[in-house]
């Protein structure tokens, strides 16, 4: 879902609209939906971008699924916390805005 659509639904979960080309200036409000000001939508897009800023760095920092599964296996066999430690480090190094 695009940030624009996510922003609109964040403001009005029941909004009905037609969006042409993912263009904030080309929204047709339908089925009696009260139009949302472009400035309000842009503000919400900016808020979402700020709140989601941690996601891409975290995704790049996580070990591959294969590596994580191997860590989990060895943790079970050896009674260690390698996987938990690795995931905690990624989350600590890339905190959410609200953390």
Protein backbone atom coordinates (compact mmCIF):
# COMPACT_ATOMS: atom_id res chain seq x y z
CA UNK A 1 0.00 0.00 0.00
CA UNK A 2 1.40 3.37 -0.95
CA UNK A 3 2.12 5.97 1.71
CA UNK A 4 -0.55 8.16 0.13
CA UNK A 5 -3.26 5.52 0.46
CA UNK A 6 -2.04 4.60 3.94
CA UNK A 7 -2.25 8.28 4.94
CA UNK A 8 -5.79 8.67 3.62
CA UNK A 9 -7.01 5.57 5.45
CA UNK A 10 -5.18 6.68 8.57
CA UNK A 11 -7.17 9.93 8.51
CA UNK A 12 -10.45 8.31 7.45
CA UNK A 13 -10.59 4.49 7.50
CA UNK A 14 -13.92 4.59 5.64
CA UNK A 15 -12.79 6.90 2.84
CA UNK A 16 -13.91 6.03 -0.68
CA UNK A 17 -11.82 7.51 -3.45
CA UNK A 18 -10.25 7.01 -6.82
CA UNK A 19 -6.56 7.76 -7.07
CA UNK A 20 -4.95 8.31 -10.45
CA UNK A 21 -1.23 7.68 -10.68
CA UNK A 22 -0.62 7.79 -6.91
CA UNK A 23 -0.84 11.59 -7.26
CA UNK A 24 -1.87 13.55 -4.17
CA UNK A 25 -3.35 16.21 -6.43
CA UNK A 26 -5.45 13.74 -8.39
CA UNK A 27 -7.89 12.24 -5.86
CA UNK A 28 -11.56 11.85 -6.68
CA UNK A 29 -13.66 11.48 -3.52
CA UNK A 30 -16.64 9.21 -4.12
CA UNK A 31 -19.72 7.80 -2.38
CA UNK A 32 -20.20 10.88 -0.22
CA UNK A 33 -16.71 10.85 1.31
CA UNK A 34 -15.82 14.26 2.69
CA UNK A 35 -12.67 15.44 0.89
CA UNK A 36 -9.47 15.59 2.92
CA UNK A 37 -7.24 18.60 2.36
CA UNK A 38 -4.01 17.90 0.48
CA UNK A 39 -2.05 19.59 3.27
CA UNK A 40 -3.61 17.25 5.86
CA UNK A 41 -2.77 14.22 3.74
CA UNK A 42 0.82 15.43 3.23
CA UNK A 43 1.24 15.97 6.97
CA UNK A 44 0.05 12.41 7.60
CA UNK A 45 2.41 11.06 4.92
CA UNK A 46 5.31 12.82 6.66
CA UNK A 47 4.23 11.37 10.04
CA UNK A 48 4.07 7.87 8.57
CA UNK A 49 7.50 8.26 6.95
CA UNK A 50 8.98 9.37 10.28
CA UNK A 51 7.30 6.54 12.17
CA UNK A 52 8.46 3.98 9.58
CA UNK A 53 12.04 5.29 9.22
CA UNK A 54 13.44 2.38 11.24
CA UNK A 55 12.02 -0.32 8.98
CA UNK A 56 14.47 -0.31 6.03
CA UNK A 57 17.61 -0.16 8.20
CA UNK A 58 16.27 -3.01 10.34
CA UNK A 59 15.46 -5.12 7.29
CA UNK A 60 19.02 -4.68 5.99
CA UNK A 61 20.54 -5.43 9.41
CA UNK A 62 18.68 -8.64 10.21
CA UNK A 63 20.53 -11.86 9.50
CA UNK A 64 18.99 -13.94 6.71
CA UNK A 65 16.17 -16.29 7.64
CA UNK A 66 18.52 -19.22 7.05
CA UNK A 67 21.07 -17.74 9.47
CA UNK A 68 18.38 -17.04 12.04
CA UNK A 69 17.06 -20.61 11.83
CA UNK A 70 20.60 -21.95 12.26
CA UNK A 71 21.09 -19.68 15.31
CA UNK A 72 17.80 -20.95 16.78
CA UNK A 73 18.79 -24.57 16.24
CA UNK A 74 22.16 -24.10 17.90
CA UNK A 75 20.56 -22.14 20.74
CA UNK A 76 18.22 -25.08 21.40
CA UNK A 77 21.03 -27.61 21.27
CA UNK A 78 23.55 -25.56 23.26
CA UNK A 79 21.25 -23.64 25.61
CA UNK A 80 22.52 -20.31 24.27
CA UNK A 81 20.80 -17.06 23.30
CA UNK A 82 22.67 -16.21 20.09
CA UNK A 83 19.50 -15.59 18.06
CA UNK A 84 17.85 -13.47 20.74
CA UNK A 85 21.07 -11.46 21.18
CA UNK A 86 21.37 -10.84 17.42
CA UNK A 87 17.75 -9.69 17.07
CA UNK A 88 17.97 -7.51 20.18
CA UNK A 89 21.07 -5.81 18.76
CA UNK A 90 19.31 -5.03 15.46
CA UNK A 91 16.31 -3.59 17.29
CA UNK A 92 18.53 -1.59 19.67
CA UNK A 93 20.65 -0.22 16.83
CA UNK A 94 17.55 0.72 14.78
CA UNK A 95 14.88 1.85 17.28
CA UNK A 96 11.35 2.88 16.40
CA UNK A 97 10.63 6.58 16.81
CA UNK A 98 8.49 5.80 19.87
CA UNK A 99 11.01 3.46 21.53
